[in-house]
């Protein structure tokens, strides 16, 4: 991959990383390995981090994952989406065939191939029509081809992929069609989804949980979990004595929940000293003021004994399951002998009738 293409691909990745507020993306996976089972092809759609649709090679229909999508959006739209999904299934099969055919090395190729394609449509703002896109391909976990939408060409990211990109670029319409799809066709339904989601996903204030544990006599580790908030941007930090920022040494990614909300955890290591108080400060657009949650001695005590109640619960559950199992066995045995007694009695009655 030459320097120009590297710079372009890096720029696109940065654009995706910082694109606010919206990304429409699809993940396609084809598994041709022996014994992979069904479905061999799956496609999942997301708006930002919210999963909206699923398609696979068994049902061959787009399945909607948000209830309002089925009732509020024209059914013909989803019929069109099913046809597009079926097209991409066929395209994925052709790409898999090309990869197996053109790759020179034989690493894992005899055992089949797992092809993953990630496809983005990016919208840079709510009001303008500035749309762009990106597409990349991975074979057995190795990223090997990307679509350069600036040049409308496919770029090889590893030596083995050059034969494939040359073949694809010889059919110039292929890359141009994908670029047009990202920058124009995506626009048609992207705005529709966002309009409905703005009505459905109102701002939601975060819930906050703090806890800590002593790592040694000198060091204590503190954790702050903010969860259940929407939209995504949030600022979470620890403060000492309400004034001093405590640098965080561990910050999790902002992770999505299936309901469209998010969570983040921020952890710090602090000296174990009497007299210091620590609080977690959460700033979010749904809040009028910064939410402050102070770590108490009870939070520290609960962290020490937190595993113990869970153990008791497990033991209680096991005892209850054992009792339930014993009761079920007793009932089955009683029914068995009751039925057996009836059968014996019936046989005795028949014998008495025959004798008489």
Protein backbone atom coordinates (compact mmCIF):
# COMPACT_ATOMS: atom_id res chain seq x y z
CA UNK A 1 0.00 0.00 0.00
CA UNK A 2 1.58 3.33 -1.04
CA UNK A 3 1.86 6.39 1.22
CA UNK A 4 -1.04 8.27 -0.40
CA UNK A 5 -3.43 5.39 0.12
CA UNK A 6 -2.19 4.91 3.68
CA UNK A 7 -2.87 8.57 4.47
CA UNK A 8 -6.34 8.38 2.92
CA UNK A 9 -7.30 5.24 4.82
CA UNK A 10 -5.94 6.72 8.07
CA UNK A 11 -7.96 9.88 7.47
CA UNK A 12 -11.14 7.86 6.93
CA UNK A 13 -10.58 5.93 10.15
CA UNK A 14 -10.11 9.20 12.04
CA UNK A 15 -13.24 10.58 10.42
CA UNK A 16 -15.19 7.54 11.58
CA UNK A 17 -13.71 7.80 15.09
CA UNK A 18 -14.67 11.45 15.52
CA UNK A 19 -17.76 11.61 13.34
CA UNK A 20 -20.55 13.18 15.33
CA UNK A 21 -23.21 12.49 15.66
CA UNK A 22 -24.26 9.69 13.31
CA UNK A 23 -22.99 6.59 11.51
CA UNK A 24 -25.05 4.00 9.65
CA UNK A 25 -23.05 0.79 9.41
CA UNK A 26 -23.44 -2.82 8.38
CA UNK A 27 -21.34 -5.85 9.30
CA UNK A 28 -21.42 -8.78 6.85
CA UNK A 29 -19.97 -12.20 7.71
CA UNK A 30 -19.66 -15.26 5.46
CA UNK A 31 -18.34 -18.49 6.97
CA UNK A 32 -17.36 -21.15 4.42
CA UNK A 33 -15.36 -23.32 6.83
CA UNK A 34 -16.36 -27.00 7.01
CA UNK A 35 -18.86 -27.68 9.76
CA UNK A 36 -19.63 -24.00 10.25
CA UNK A 37 -23.34 -24.80 10.19
CA UNK A 38 -26.13 -22.40 9.38
CA UNK A 39 -26.57 -19.58 8.86
CA UNK A 40 -23.41 -19.33 6.75
CA UNK A 41 -24.06 -15.64 6.03
CA UNK A 42 -25.18 -12.92 8.45
CA UNK A 43 -25.64 -9.16 8.15
CA UNK A 44 -26.25 -6.79 11.06
CA UNK A 45 -27.23 -3.12 10.76
CA UNK A 46 -26.57 -0.31 13.25
CA UNK A 47 -27.45 3.35 13.58
CA UNK A 48 -24.63 4.73 15.72
CA UNK A 49 -24.28 1.94 18.33
CA UNK A 50 -27.89 0.77 18.26
CA UNK A 51 -28.58 -2.49 16.43
CA UNK A 52 -31.56 -1.99 14.13
CA UNK A 53 -31.71 -5.01 11.81
CA UNK A 54 -30.46 -8.53 11.18
CA UNK A 55 -30.43 -10.77 8.10
CA UNK A 56 -29.11 -14.30 7.57
CA UNK A 57 -28.90 -16.95 4.87
CA UNK A 58 -31.55 -19.12 6.55
CA UNK A 59 -34.45 -16.66 6.72
CA UNK A 60 -33.30 -14.46 3.81
CA UNK A 61 -35.45 -11.67 5.26
CA UNK A 62 -34.50 -8.48 7.07
CA UNK A 63 -35.54 -8.76 10.72
CA UNK A 64 -36.25 -5.45 12.48
CA UNK A 65 -35.03 -5.16 16.05
CA UNK A 66 -36.78 -1.95 17.13
CA UNK A 67 -40.59 -2.25 17.44
CA UNK A 68 -41.41 1.19 16.03
CA UNK A 69 -39.60 0.39 12.79
CA UNK A 70 -42.23 -2.18 11.83
CA UNK A 71 -45.20 0.11 12.53
CA UNK A 72 -43.96 3.60 11.68
CA UNK A 73 -41.93 3.06 8.49
CA UNK A 74 -43.42 2.10 5.13
CA UNK A 75 -43.34 -1.73 4.74
CA UNK A 76 -42.15 -1.29 1.14
CA UNK A 77 -38.96 0.19 2.54
CA UNK A 78 -38.19 -3.04 4.37
CA UNK A 79 -39.04 -5.09 1.30
CA UNK A 80 -36.45 -3.03 -0.57
CA UNK A 81 -33.99 -3.59 2.28
CA UNK A 82 -34.53 -7.35 2.02
CA UNK A 83 -33.75 -7.24 -1.70
CA UNK A 84 -30.59 -5.22 -1.02
CA UNK A 85 -29.56 -7.69 1.71
CA UNK A 86 -30.03 -10.58 -0.72
CA UNK A 87 -27.87 -8.75 -3.25
CA UNK A 88 -25.09 -8.32 -0.71
CA UNK A 89 -25.32 -12.00 0.24
CA UNK A 90 -24.61 -12.91 -3.39
CA UNK A 91 -21.85 -10.29 -3.58
CA UNK A 92 -20.25 -11.73 -0.46
CA UNK A 93 -20.24 -15.22 -1.99
CA UNK A 94 -18.51 -13.88 -5.12
CA UNK A 95 -15.89 -12.10 -3.02
CA UNK A 96 -15.23 -15.27 -1.02
CA UNK A 97 -14.72 -17.17 -4.28
CA UNK A 98 -12.32 -14.46 -5.54
CA UNK A 99 -10.25 -14.54 -2.36
CA UNK A 100 -9.85 -18.31 -2.33
CA UNK A 101 -8.99 -18.23 -6.04
CA UNK A 102 -6.47 -15.38 -6.02
CA UNK A 103 -4.65 -15.68 -2.70
CA UNK A 104 -1.21 -17.22 -3.20
CA UNK A 105 -0.61 -18.43 0.35
CA UNK A 106 -2.52 -21.45 1.61
CA UNK A 107 -2.78 -20.50 5.27
CA UNK A 108 -6.11 -21.88 6.45
CA UNK A 109 -7.53 -21.68 2.90
CA UNK A 110 -8.00 -25.45 2.60
CA UNK A 111 -10.15 -25.28 5.69
CA UNK A 112 -12.41 -22.64 4.23
CA UNK A 113 -12.64 -18.93 4.81
CA UNK A 114 -14.37 -16.47 7.13
CA UNK A 115 -14.96 -13.22 5.24
CA UNK A 116 -15.97 -10.10 7.17
CA UNK A 117 -16.98 -6.84 5.52
CA UNK A 118 -17.62 -3.59 7.38
CA UNK A 119 -19.56 -0.91 5.55
CA UNK A 120 -20.18 2.64 6.85
CA UNK A 121 -22.25 5.59 5.73
CA UNK A 122 -21.20 8.71 7.64
CA UNK A 123 -23.21 11.88 8.13
CA UNK A 124 -21.16 14.81 9.42
CA UNK A 125 -24.11 16.80 10.80
CA UNK A 126 -27.87 16.98 11.22
CA UNK A 127 -28.65 19.74 8.77
CA UNK A 128 -26.24 19.47 5.83
CA UNK A 129 -25.97 16.83 3.12
CA UNK A 130 -22.32 15.99 3.71
CA UNK A 131 -22.25 12.21 3.42
CA UNK A 132 -19.27 9.92 2.96
CA UNK A 133 -18.52 6.25 3.38
CA UNK A 134 -15.98 3.56 4.00
CA UNK A 135 -15.71 -0.18 3.35
CA UNK A 136 -13.09 -2.70 4.46
CA UNK A 137 -12.61 -6.45 4.07
CA UNK A 138 -11.02 -9.00 6.41
CA UNK A 139 -10.21 -12.65 5.64
CA UNK A 140 -9.85 -15.00 8.62
CA UNK A 141 -9.39 -11.95 10.83
CA UNK A 142 -6.74 -10.24 8.67
CA UNK A 143 -7.64 -6.84 7.19
CA UNK A 144 -6.61 -6.95 3.53
CA UNK A 145 -8.69 -4.59 1.30
CA UNK A 146 -10.34 -1.18 1.73
CA UNK A 147 -12.38 1.01 -0.57
CA UNK A 148 -10.80 4.41 -1.24
CA UNK A 149 -13.87 6.56 -1.94
CA UNK A 150 -11.73 9.56 -2.89
CA UNK A 151 -10.22 7.73 -5.84
CA UNK A 152 -13.10 5.25 -6.35
CA UNK A 153 -10.66 2.35 -6.21
CA UNK A 154 -10.02 -0.65 -3.99
CA UNK A 155 -6.74 -0.55 -2.05
CA UNK A 156 -4.74 -3.66 -1.10
CA UNK A 157 -3.64 -3.60 2.53
CA UNK A 158 -1.46 -6.71 2.21
CA UNK A 159 0.64 -8.14 -0.62
CA UNK A 160 -1.62 -11.15 -1.17
CA UNK A 161 -4.56 -8.88 -1.95
CA UNK A 162 -3.07 -7.00 -4.92
CA UNK A 163 -4.31 -9.50 -7.51
CA UNK A 164 -7.85 -9.13 -6.19
CA UNK A 165 -7.80 -5.33 -6.11
CA UNK A 166 -6.40 -5.24 -9.65
CA UNK A 167 -9.24 -7.48 -10.80
CA UNK A 168 -11.87 -5.42 -8.97
CA UNK A 169 -10.46 -2.10 -10.19
CA UNK A 170 -10.53 -3.36 -13.77
CA UNK A 171 -14.31 -3.31 -13.29
CA UNK A 172 -14.40 0.40 -12.47
CA UNK A 173 -18.16 0.41 -12.00
CA UNK A 174 -17.87 -1.78 -8.88
CA UNK A 175 -16.06 0.81 -6.71
CA UNK A 176 -18.05 3.70 -8.18
CA UNK A 177 -21.31 1.93 -7.43
CA UNK A 178 -20.31 1.42 -3.79
CA UNK A 179 -19.26 5.06 -3.48
CA UNK A 180 -22.57 6.26 -4.95
CA UNK A 181 -24.43 3.91 -2.62
CA UNK A 182 -22.66 5.34 0.44
CA UNK A 183 -22.97 9.01 -0.49
CA UNK A 184 -26.43 9.04 -2.08
CA UNK A 185 -28.58 5.97 -1.46
CA UNK A 186 -27.80 5.78 2.27
CA UNK A 187 -29.15 9.30 2.60
CA UNK A 188 -32.65 8.13 1.67
CA UNK A 189 -33.23 6.03 4.78
CA UNK A 190 -30.55 7.46 7.09
CA UNK A 191 -32.58 10.59 7.74
CA UNK A 192 -35.75 8.51 8.20
CA UNK A 193 -34.12 6.40 10.90
CA UNK A 194 -32.68 9.42 12.69
CA UNK A 195 -35.98 11.32 12.71
CA UNK A 196 -37.75 8.42 14.40
CA UNK A 197 -34.88 7.72 16.79
CA UNK A 198 -34.82 11.34 17.96
CA UNK A 199 -38.43 10.93 18.99
CA UNK A 200 -37.89 7.52 20.54
CA UNK A 201 -34.56 8.10 22.29
CA UNK A 202 -35.06 11.16 24.46
CA UNK A 203 -32.16 12.28 26.69
CA UNK A 204 -31.79 9.90 29.63
CA UNK A 205 -29.90 10.84 32.80
CA UNK A 206 -27.12 8.51 33.99
CA UNK A 207 -27.28 6.26 37.00
CA UNK A 208 -24.02 6.22 38.95
CA UNK A 209 -22.49 3.55 41.22
CA UNK A 210 -19.20 3.99 43.10
CA UNK A 211 -17.16 1.44 45.04
CA UNK A 212 -13.59 0.74 46.04
CA UNK A 213 -11.23 -1.76 47.60
CA UNK A 214 -7.90 -1.62 49.38
CA UNK A 215 -5.12 -3.08 47.25
CA UNK A 216 -2.64 -2.69 50.10
CA UNK A 217 -2.16 -0.63 53.24
CA UNK A 218 -0.83 2.19 51.07
CA UNK A 219 -3.09 2.02 47.99
CA UNK A 220 -6.83 1.99 47.35
CA UNK A 221 -8.55 1.49 44.01
CA UNK A 222 -11.76 3.39 43.26
CA UNK A 223 -14.33 2.68 40.55
CA UNK A 224 -17.14 4.82 39.16
CA UNK A 225 -19.72 3.30 36.82
CA UNK A 226 -22.09 5.63 34.93
CA UNK A 227 -24.78 3.76 33.00
CA UNK A 228 -28.19 4.03 31.36
CA UNK A 229 -27.55 7.45 29.79
CA UNK A 230 -28.33 8.88 26.34
CA UNK A 231 -26.95 10.53 24.21
CA UNK A 232 -23.44 9.13 24.12
CA UNK A 233 -21.12 12.08 25.02
CA UNK A 234 -20.33 12.15 28.75
CA UNK A 235 -17.55 13.33 31.06
CA UNK A 236 -16.72 11.23 34.13
CA UNK A 237 -13.91 11.97 36.59
CA UNK A 238 -12.83 11.45 40.21
CA UNK A 239 -12.22 14.38 42.58
CA UNK A 240 -10.33 14.48 45.90
CA UNK A 241 -11.89 16.57 48.67
CA UNK A 242 -14.21 18.14 46.09
CA UNK A 243 -11.43 20.24 44.56
CA UNK A 244 -8.53 18.28 43.09
CA UNK A 245 -8.84 16.26 39.90
CA UNK A 246 -7.56 12.70 40.24
CA UNK A 247 -6.03 11.47 36.93
CA UNK A 248 -7.73 8.27 35.78
CA UNK A 249 -5.46 5.36 34.97
CA UNK A 250 -8.24 3.19 33.53
CA UNK A 251 -11.18 4.40 31.44
CA UNK A 252 -13.38 1.90 29.63
CA UNK A 253 -14.82 2.68 26.19
CA UNK A 254 -18.31 4.14 26.17
CA UNK A 255 -20.25 0.94 25.56
CA UNK A 256 -23.78 0.69 24.12
CA UNK A 257 -26.74 -1.11 25.69
CA UNK A 258 -29.41 -2.82 23.54
CA UNK A 259 -31.97 -0.21 24.64
CA UNK A 260 -29.94 2.62 23.08
CA UNK A 261 -28.31 3.86 26.30
CA UNK A 262 -24.61 3.76 27.21
CA UNK A 263 -22.24 3.01 30.06
CA UNK A 264 -18.68 3.91 31.04
CA UNK A 265 -16.41 2.96 33.97
CA UNK A 266 -13.60 5.16 35.30
CA UNK A 267 -11.08 3.81 37.81
CA UNK A 268 -8.25 5.43 39.78
CA UNK A 269 -5.60 4.36 42.24
CA UNK A 270 -5.18 6.67 45.25
CA UNK A 271 -3.11 6.70 48.44
CA UNK A 272 -4.86 5.21 51.48
CA UNK A 273 -5.08 8.22 53.80
CA UNK A 274 -7.50 9.15 56.55
CA UNK A 275 -9.35 12.42 56.12
CA UNK A 276 -9.47 12.39 52.29
CA UNK A 277 -12.87 12.11 50.61
CA UNK A 278 -13.40 11.05 47.03
CA UNK A 279 -16.35 11.72 44.73
CA UNK A 280 -17.24 10.85 41.17
CA UNK A 281 -18.37 13.78 39.00
CA UNK A 282 -20.55 13.03 35.95
CA UNK A 283 -21.36 15.74 33.40
CA UNK A 284 -24.05 14.89 30.82
CA UNK A 285 -26.36 16.89 28.56
CA UNK A 286 -29.44 15.42 30.30
CA UNK A 287 -28.40 16.98 33.63
CA UNK A 288 -28.94 20.56 34.78
CA UNK A 289 -25.86 20.33 37.00
CA UNK A 290 -22.91 17.98 37.39
CA UNK A 291 -23.97 14.81 39.21
CA UNK A 292 -21.71 14.20 42.22
CA UNK A 293 -21.64 10.84 44.02
CA UNK A 294 -19.38 10.59 47.08
CA UNK A 295 -17.68 7.35 48.08
CA UNK A 296 -18.67 6.37 51.60
CA UNK A 297 -17.17 3.97 54.11
CA UNK A 298 -20.19 1.74 53.48
CA UNK A 299 -19.21 1.53 49.79
CA UNK A 300 -15.76 0.34 50.85
CA UNK A 301 -17.19 -2.18 53.33
CA UNK A 302 -19.60 -3.56 50.74
CA UNK A 303 -16.71 -4.08 48.35
CA UNK A 304 -14.93 -6.17 50.99
CA UNK A 305 -17.92 -8.37 51.69
CA UNK A 306 -19.55 -8.16 48.26
CA UNK A 307 -18.45 -11.67 47.28
CA UNK A 308 -19.73 -13.23 50.49
CA UNK A 309 -23.49 -12.54 49.98
CA UNK A 310 -23.18 -13.84 46.43
CA UNK A 311 -21.74 -17.09 47.80
CA UNK A 312 -24.64 -17.40 50.23
CA UNK A 313 -27.08 -16.81 47.39
CA UNK A 314 -25.44 -19.53 45.29
CA UNK A 315 -25.56 -21.98 48.20
CA UNK A 316 -29.24 -21.18 48.90
CA UNK A 317 -30.13 -21.60 45.23
CA UNK A 318 -28.34 -24.97 45.11
CA UNK A 319 -30.17 -26.14 48.25
CA UNK A 320 -33.52 -25.06 46.79
CA UNK A 321 -32.76 -26.80 43.49
CA UNK A 322 -31.81 -29.96 45.38
CA UNK A 323 -35.05 -29.86 47.38
CA UNK A 324 -37.09 -29.25 44.22
CA UNK A 325 -35.34 -32.12 42.49
CA UNK A 326 -36.02 -34.43 45.43
CA UNK A 327 -39.71 -33.43 45.50
CA UNK A 328 -40.04 -34.03 41.76
CA UNK A 329 -38.46 -37.49 42.11
CA UNK A 330 -40.83 -38.37 44.99
CA UNK A 331 -43.85 -37.28 42.92
CA UNK A 332 -42.67 -39.30 39.91
CA UNK A 333 -42.04 -42.40 42.07
CA UNK A 334 -45.46 -42.08 43.72
CA UNK A 335 -47.18 -41.75 40.36
CA UNK A 336 -45.24 -44.73 39.03
CA UNK A 337 -46.21 -47.03 41.92
CA UNK A 338 -49.77 -45.70 41.95
CA UNK A 339 -50.11 -46.48 38.26
CA UNK A 340 -48.44 -49.85 38.76
CA UNK A 341 -50.86 -50.64 41.59
CA UNK A 342 -53.80 -49.79 39.36
CA UNK A 343 -52.47 -52.04 36.63
CA UNK A 344 -52.01 -54.90 39.10
CA UNK A 345 -55.49 -54.37 40.46
CA UNK A 346 -56.92 -54.37 36.94
CA UNK A 347 -55.16 -57.62 36.15
CA UNK A 348 -56.50 -59.20 39.37
CA UNK A 349 -60.04 -58.10 38.49
CA UNK A 350 -59.69 -59.64 35.02
CA UNK A 351 -58.51 -62.92 36.52
CA UNK A 352 -61.46 -62.99 38.94
CA UNK A 353 -63.89 -62.36 36.06
CA UNK A 354 -62.35 -65.21 34.05
CA UNK A 355 -62.55 -67.58 37.02
CA UNK A 356 -66.18 -66.73 37.59
